[in-house]
Amino acid sequence: MASPSSIARPWLAAARSSKYVKPRISSRIFARSVSAQDALNTKEVPLETPEDWVKFQAQRVARTALYEEMSQYGSTQTRDNTFQPHHSLHRPVAPSQLTLSALVASGAHFGHSKTLMNPNFIPYAYGVRAGITIIDLDQTLPLLRRAANLVRSITVGDGTVVFVGTRPDLRAAVRKAAERLEDQGYYVGEKWLPGTLTNKVHMFGSNVLRDRVTPDLVVFLNPIANMHAIRECAIEHVPTIGIVDSNVDPRIVMYPIPANDESTRTAELIVGVLSVAGREGVLLNKEEREKKRFQNSQRSPRF
């Protein structure tokens, strides 16, 4: 019995001399073109005699040997196992899987000019490079995980979370984040209407106030443009999470995350991690509800 490599060698020699194969074509495309041509040939010739079946089986063995011979030269990278820029928006990672490399790749370490640095931001600054403040990501990562734990605990306790991103490039990110939290997530992609929290009767009416109008947590992706919303949250004692840059006072929010607030990829990465943590809390909340409902059904008397 001949080895697969010996069977594949005549095919490779014939394929190299064929006029349909370019000299610099890749091995994966070459194998695909050869297999497609073989499939067409087998379809054209009907399998009627035993000799046709033997020839068909020989071609199939040769094709398999060709794949095994050429598979070691191709790349194993595909669209699923390599990084894509849209992954932070559609397929965010969990807080435990987030790395410093992902933050650096999103540009989270770039701050503003050193002349614009807020004095209260100095503990979160790593240094200055070419006149630009570099944010210390060794502090960003634990603070982001702390904020993720807060979002998870809020959703586990059946609380509501509001994601605020009023720039046009942030609307898709806050909408996706709110969808992951299902009924416990909301978002503001347009302008925050003044009085949304401090003047609820005028905004929503007395009948709507019977439901949950005041959120349990608000996440700001661009806090400087929503200072009036942060003030309303402070008046109503609503905890806040915000991405603070080097020109922002970290004390304006309760749980600051030092990072580049002008980068869309950074905002998508951070809000994606927070929303994934919130989704975990939503699932735990559902399991707890189902467990209580099952326990109550077991305790109820049966007639």
Protein backbone atom coordinates (compact mmCIF):
# COMPACT_ATOMS: atom_id res chain seq x y z
CA MET A 1 0.00 0.00 0.00
CA ALA A 2 1.47 3.31 -1.05
CA SER A 3 1.79 6.13 1.49
CA PRO A 4 -0.40 9.29 1.17
CA SER A 5 2.64 11.44 0.42
CA SER A 6 3.69 9.21 -2.47
CA ILE A 7 0.17 9.36 -3.88
CA ALA A 8 0.10 13.16 -3.60
CA ARG A 9 3.45 13.75 -5.32
CA PRO A 10 2.24 12.96 -8.87
CA TRP A 11 -0.73 15.22 -8.32
CA LEU A 12 1.50 18.05 -7.12
CA ALA A 13 3.85 17.65 -10.08
CA ALA A 14 0.94 17.65 -12.53
CA ALA A 15 -0.65 20.63 -10.82
CA ARG A 16 2.54 22.68 -10.92
CA SER A 17 2.82 22.17 -14.68
CA SER A 18 -0.86 22.96 -15.26
CA LYS A 19 -1.67 26.24 -16.98
CA TYR A 20 -4.56 26.92 -14.59
CA VAL A 21 -2.29 27.33 -11.53
CA LYS A 22 -0.37 30.57 -11.06
CA PRO A 23 3.23 30.33 -9.83
CA ARG A 24 2.63 32.26 -6.57
CA ILE A 25 -0.78 30.92 -5.61
CA SER A 26 -1.15 29.89 -1.98
CA SER A 27 -1.32 26.25 -0.94
CA ARG A 28 -4.83 26.53 0.51
CA ILE A 29 -6.27 28.08 -2.66
CA PHE A 30 -4.36 25.59 -4.80
CA ALA A 31 -5.78 22.59 -2.93
CA ARG A 32 -9.26 24.07 -3.15
CA SER A 33 -9.00 24.60 -6.92
CA VAL A 34 -7.71 21.06 -7.50
CA SER A 35 -10.51 19.53 -5.42
CA ALA A 36 -13.11 21.58 -7.26
CA GLN A 37 -11.76 20.44 -10.64
CA ASP A 38 -11.80 16.81 -9.46
CA ALA A 39 -15.38 17.16 -8.31
CA LEU A 40 -16.39 18.47 -11.72
CA ASN A 41 -14.64 15.60 -13.44
CA THR A 42 -16.36 13.02 -11.25
CA LYS A 43 -19.74 14.57 -11.98
CA GLU A 44 -19.19 14.53 -15.73
CA VAL A 45 -18.27 10.82 -15.86
CA PRO A 46 -21.07 8.49 -14.66
CA LEU A 47 -20.11 5.68 -12.31
CA GLU A 48 -21.46 2.67 -14.11
CA THR A 49 -18.76 -0.02 -14.14
CA PRO A 50 -16.62 -1.38 -11.28
CA GLU A 51 -13.61 0.25 -12.92
CA ASP A 52 -15.30 3.66 -12.59
CA TRP A 53 -15.86 3.06 -8.88
CA VAL A 54 -12.23 2.06 -8.40
CA LYS A 55 -11.08 5.19 -10.21
CA PHE A 56 -13.43 7.33 -8.12
CA GLN A 57 -12.10 5.86 -4.87
CA ALA A 58 -8.52 6.38 -6.02
CA GLN A 59 -9.25 10.04 -6.75
CA ARG A 60 -10.82 10.45 -3.33
CA VAL A 61 -7.79 8.91 -1.61
CA ALA A 62 -5.46 11.15 -3.61
CA ARG A 63 -7.52 14.21 -2.76
CA THR A 64 -7.42 13.36 0.96
CA ALA A 65 -3.65 12.82 0.77
CA LEU A 66 -3.29 16.19 -0.96
CA TYR A 67 -5.17 17.93 1.84
CA GLU A 68 -3.04 16.24 4.48
CA GLU A 69 0.15 17.14 2.62
CA MET A 70 -0.73 20.83 2.12
CA SER A 71 -2.51 21.53 5.41
CA GLN A 72 0.77 21.96 7.27
CA TYR A 73 1.74 24.95 5.12
CA GLY A 74 -1.39 27.07 5.45
CA SER A 75 -2.26 29.53 8.18
CA THR A 76 -4.56 28.47 11.01
CA GLN A 77 -5.90 31.97 11.62
CA THR A 78 -9.53 32.57 10.78
CA ARG A 79 -12.07 35.31 11.35
CA ASP A 80 -13.18 33.71 14.60
CA ASN A 81 -9.82 33.17 16.33
CA THR A 82 -8.20 36.52 15.43
CA PHE A 83 -8.95 39.98 16.73
CA GLN A 84 -11.36 42.13 14.75
CA PRO A 85 -12.14 45.80 15.54
CA HIS A 86 -15.86 45.07 15.84
CA HIS A 87 -15.41 42.36 18.48
CA SER A 88 -15.40 44.88 21.34
CA LEU A 89 -18.88 46.01 20.26
CA HIS A 90 -20.56 42.73 19.33
CA ARG A 91 -18.54 40.15 21.26
CA PRO A 92 -17.09 41.76 24.40
CA VAL A 93 -15.03 39.76 26.86
CA ALA A 94 -15.76 39.05 30.50
CA PRO A 95 -14.03 41.16 33.21
CA SER A 96 -11.84 38.22 34.20
CA GLN A 97 -10.62 37.80 30.59
CA LEU A 98 -9.76 41.47 30.02
CA THR A 99 -6.03 42.15 29.66
CA LEU A 100 -3.75 45.15 29.51
CA SER A 101 -2.97 44.31 25.90
CA ALA A 102 -6.63 44.79 24.97
CA LEU A 103 -6.68 48.18 26.69
CA VAL A 104 -3.49 49.25 24.93
CA ALA A 105 -4.84 48.06 21.56
CA SER A 106 -7.97 50.18 22.04
CA GLY A 107 -5.90 53.30 22.83
CA ALA A 108 -7.08 53.61 26.41
CA HIS A 109 -3.69 54.88 27.61
CA PHE A 110 -3.70 58.09 25.58
CA GLY A 111 -4.60 61.18 27.60
CA HIS A 112 -4.71 64.87 26.76
CA SER A 113 -1.88 67.36 26.64
CA LYS A 114 0.11 67.69 29.85
CA THR A 115 -0.92 71.35 30.06
CA LEU A 116 -4.57 70.25 30.40
CA MET A 117 -4.02 67.68 33.13
CA ASN A 118 -6.32 68.01 36.11
CA PRO A 119 -4.34 68.07 39.38
CA ASN A 120 -6.60 65.42 40.88
CA PHE A 121 -5.79 63.04 38.00
CA ILE A 122 -2.07 62.87 38.84
CA PRO A 123 -2.36 59.56 40.80
CA TYR A 124 -3.70 57.88 37.64
CA ALA A 125 -1.00 59.26 35.29
CA TYR A 126 1.94 57.09 34.30
CA GLY A 127 4.00 59.85 32.72
CA VAL A 128 4.30 62.18 29.75
CA ARG A 129 5.39 61.23 26.23
CA ALA A 130 5.78 63.83 23.47
CA GLY A 131 3.70 66.26 25.49
CA ILE A 132 0.81 63.78 25.91
CA THR A 133 -0.19 62.36 29.26
CA ILE A 134 0.02 58.56 29.42
CA ILE A 135 -2.62 56.96 31.64
CA ASP A 136 -1.49 54.21 34.00
CA LEU A 137 -3.42 51.14 32.82
CA ASP A 138 -2.20 49.15 35.82
CA GLN A 139 -4.75 51.17 37.77
CA THR A 140 -7.38 51.23 35.03
CA LEU A 141 -7.74 47.45 34.91
CA PRO A 142 -8.56 46.88 38.63
CA LEU A 143 -10.86 49.91 38.70
CA LEU A 144 -12.71 48.57 35.66
CA ARG A 145 -13.11 45.18 37.31
CA ARG A 146 -14.37 46.87 40.46
CA ALA A 147 -16.97 48.71 38.41
CA ALA A 148 -17.93 45.44 36.70
CA ASN A 149 -18.49 43.82 40.10
CA LEU A 150 -20.73 46.74 41.04
CA VAL A 151 -22.83 46.34 37.89
CA ARG A 152 -23.14 42.61 38.54
CA SER A 153 -24.26 43.17 42.14
CA ILE A 154 -26.83 45.76 41.04
CA THR A 155 -28.41 43.44 38.49
CA VAL A 156 -28.34 40.48 40.87
CA GLY A 157 -30.43 42.55 43.28
CA ASP A 158 -33.01 43.24 40.54
CA GLY A 159 -31.70 46.77 40.03
CA THR A 160 -31.72 48.86 36.86
CA VAL A 161 -28.70 50.29 35.05
CA VAL A 162 -28.68 53.24 32.62
CA PHE A 163 -25.87 53.64 30.07
CA VAL A 164 -25.30 57.21 28.89
CA GLY A 165 -23.32 58.00 25.74
CA THR A 166 -24.55 61.10 23.95
CA ARG A 167 -21.98 61.21 21.13
CA PRO A 168 -23.11 59.77 17.78
CA ASP A 169 -20.32 57.19 17.81
CA LEU A 170 -21.38 55.92 21.25
CA ARG A 171 -25.05 55.30 20.56
CA ALA A 172 -24.54 51.80 19.18
CA ALA A 173 -22.38 50.86 22.18
CA VAL A 174 -24.90 51.99 24.82
CA ARG A 175 -27.78 50.38 22.91
CA LYS A 176 -25.97 47.04 22.75
CA ALA A 177 -25.09 47.26 26.43
CA ALA A 178 -28.69 47.93 27.43
CA GLU A 179 -29.94 45.04 25.30
CA ARG A 180 -27.65 42.62 27.14
CA LEU A 181 -29.32 43.52 30.43
CA GLU A 182 -32.81 42.94 28.95
CA ASP A 183 -35.49 44.56 31.13
CA GLN A 184 -32.96 45.82 33.67
CA GLY A 185 -30.95 47.89 31.19
CA TYR A 186 -31.68 51.29 29.64
CA TYR A 187 -29.65 53.74 27.60
CA VAL A 188 -29.53 57.42 26.65
CA GLY A 189 -28.01 57.98 23.22
CA GLU A 190 -29.36 61.44 22.59
CA LYS A 191 -29.36 64.51 24.83
CA TRP A 192 -30.09 63.97 28.52
CA LEU A 193 -33.18 66.03 29.24
CA PRO A 194 -32.64 68.24 32.32
CA GLY A 195 -34.94 67.27 35.15
CA THR A 196 -35.16 63.61 34.22
CA LEU A 197 -34.40 62.62 37.82
CA THR A 198 -34.95 65.80 39.82
CA ASN A 199 -38.28 66.75 38.22
CA LYS A 200 -39.86 63.35 37.63
CA VAL A 201 -43.45 64.47 38.21
CA HIS A 202 -43.28 67.04 35.44
CA MET A 203 -41.36 64.76 33.06
CA PHE A 204 -43.28 61.49 33.48
CA GLY A 205 -46.47 62.31 35.37
CA SER A 206 -47.73 61.10 38.74
CA ASN A 207 -49.03 57.80 37.33
CA VAL A 208 -45.66 56.73 35.97
CA LEU A 209 -43.94 57.33 39.30
CA ARG A 210 -45.51 54.15 40.63
CA ASP A 211 -42.98 52.21 38.56
CA ARG A 212 -39.22 52.36 38.86
CA VAL A 213 -38.17 55.71 37.42
CA THR A 214 -34.99 56.35 39.41
CA PRO A 215 -32.23 53.95 38.27
CA ASP A 216 -29.95 52.11 40.66
CA LEU A 217 -26.79 52.87 38.67
CA VAL A 218 -25.78 55.18 35.81
CA VAL A 219 -22.74 54.61 33.57
CA PHE A 220 -21.33 57.64 31.71
CA LEU A 221 -19.08 57.15 28.68
CA ASN A 222 -18.57 60.90 28.15
CA PRO A 223 -19.07 62.53 31.56
CA ILE A 224 -17.90 66.04 30.64
CA ALA A 225 -20.78 66.48 28.18
CA ASN A 226 -23.27 65.21 30.77
CA MET A 227 -22.36 67.18 33.88
CA HIS A 228 -26.00 68.15 34.48
CA ALA A 229 -26.93 64.46 34.49
CA ILE A 230 -24.16 63.72 36.99
CA ARG A 231 -25.49 66.49 39.24
CA GLU A 232 -28.97 65.01 39.12
CA CYS A 233 -27.59 61.60 40.05
CA ALA A 234 -25.75 63.16 43.00
CA ILE A 235 -28.95 64.89 44.18
CA GLU A 236 -30.95 61.65 43.93
CA HIS A 237 -28.13 59.60 45.55
CA VAL A 238 -27.66 57.40 42.48
CA PRO A 239 -24.18 55.82 42.19
CA THR A 240 -22.31 56.66 39.00
CA ILE A 241 -19.54 55.09 36.91
CA GLY A 242 -17.63 57.18 34.39
CA ILE A 243 -14.67 57.12 32.01
CA VAL A 244 -12.42 59.96 33.15
CA ASP A 245 -9.59 61.35 31.04
CA SER A 246 -6.53 63.29 32.17
CA ASN A 247 -8.37 66.60 31.89
CA VAL A 248 -11.27 65.45 34.11
CA ASP A 249 -11.55 65.48 37.87
CA PRO A 250 -12.08 61.84 38.89
CA ARG A 251 -14.22 62.95 41.84
CA ILE A 252 -17.17 63.91 39.62
CA VAL A 253 -18.27 60.25 39.56
CA MET A 254 -18.41 57.75 42.38
CA TYR A 255 -16.51 54.99 40.54
CA PRO A 256 -14.01 56.49 38.06
CA ILE A 257 -12.33 54.48 35.30
CA PRO A 258 -9.23 56.37 34.06
CA ALA A 259 -9.05 55.93 30.30
CA ASN A 260 -9.26 57.78 27.00
CA ASP A 261 -12.81 59.14 26.80
CA GLU A 262 -12.46 60.28 23.17
CA SER A 263 -11.69 56.84 21.73
CA THR A 264 -14.69 54.94 20.40
CA ARG A 265 -12.95 51.59 20.71
CA THR A 266 -12.04 52.28 24.34
CA ALA A 267 -15.64 53.17 25.17
CA GLU A 268 -16.95 50.07 23.38
CA LEU A 269 -14.47 47.87 25.25
CA ILE A 270 -15.30 49.31 28.68
CA VAL A 271 -19.07 49.37 28.26
CA GLY A 272 -18.94 45.87 26.78
CA VAL A 273 -17.12 44.52 29.82
CA LEU A 274 -19.59 46.24 32.17
CA SER A 275 -22.60 44.95 30.24
CA VAL A 276 -21.26 41.38 30.22
CA ALA A 277 -20.89 41.57 34.00
CA GLY A 278 -24.43 42.93 34.22
CA ARG A 279 -25.72 40.08 32.04
CA GLU A 280 -24.16 37.59 34.44
CA GLY A 281 -26.07 39.28 37.25
CA VAL A 282 -29.31 39.13 35.27
CA LEU A 283 -28.89 35.39 34.73
CA LEU A 284 -28.16 34.84 38.43
CA ASN A 285 -31.24 36.90 39.30
CA LYS A 286 -33.38 34.72 37.03
CA GLU A 287 -32.01 31.55 38.58
CA GLU A 288 -32.76 32.88 42.06
CA ARG A 289 -36.31 33.74 41.04
CA GLU A 290 -36.85 30.29 39.57
CA LYS A 291 -35.48 28.67 42.72
CA LYS A 292 -37.81 30.70 44.95
CA ARG A 293 -40.77 29.97 42.71
CA PHE A 294 -40.00 26.24 42.85
CA GLN A 295 -39.64 26.33 46.63
CA ASN A 296 -42.95 28.16 47.00
CA SER A 297 -44.68 25.64 44.75
CA GLN A 298 -43.36 22.78 46.89
CA ARG A 299 -44.56 24.41 50.10
CA SER A 300 -48.07 25.19 48.82
CA PRO A 301 -50.67 22.66 50.08
CA ARG A 302 -52.09 20.20 47.60
CA PHE A 303 -55.77 19.26 47.72
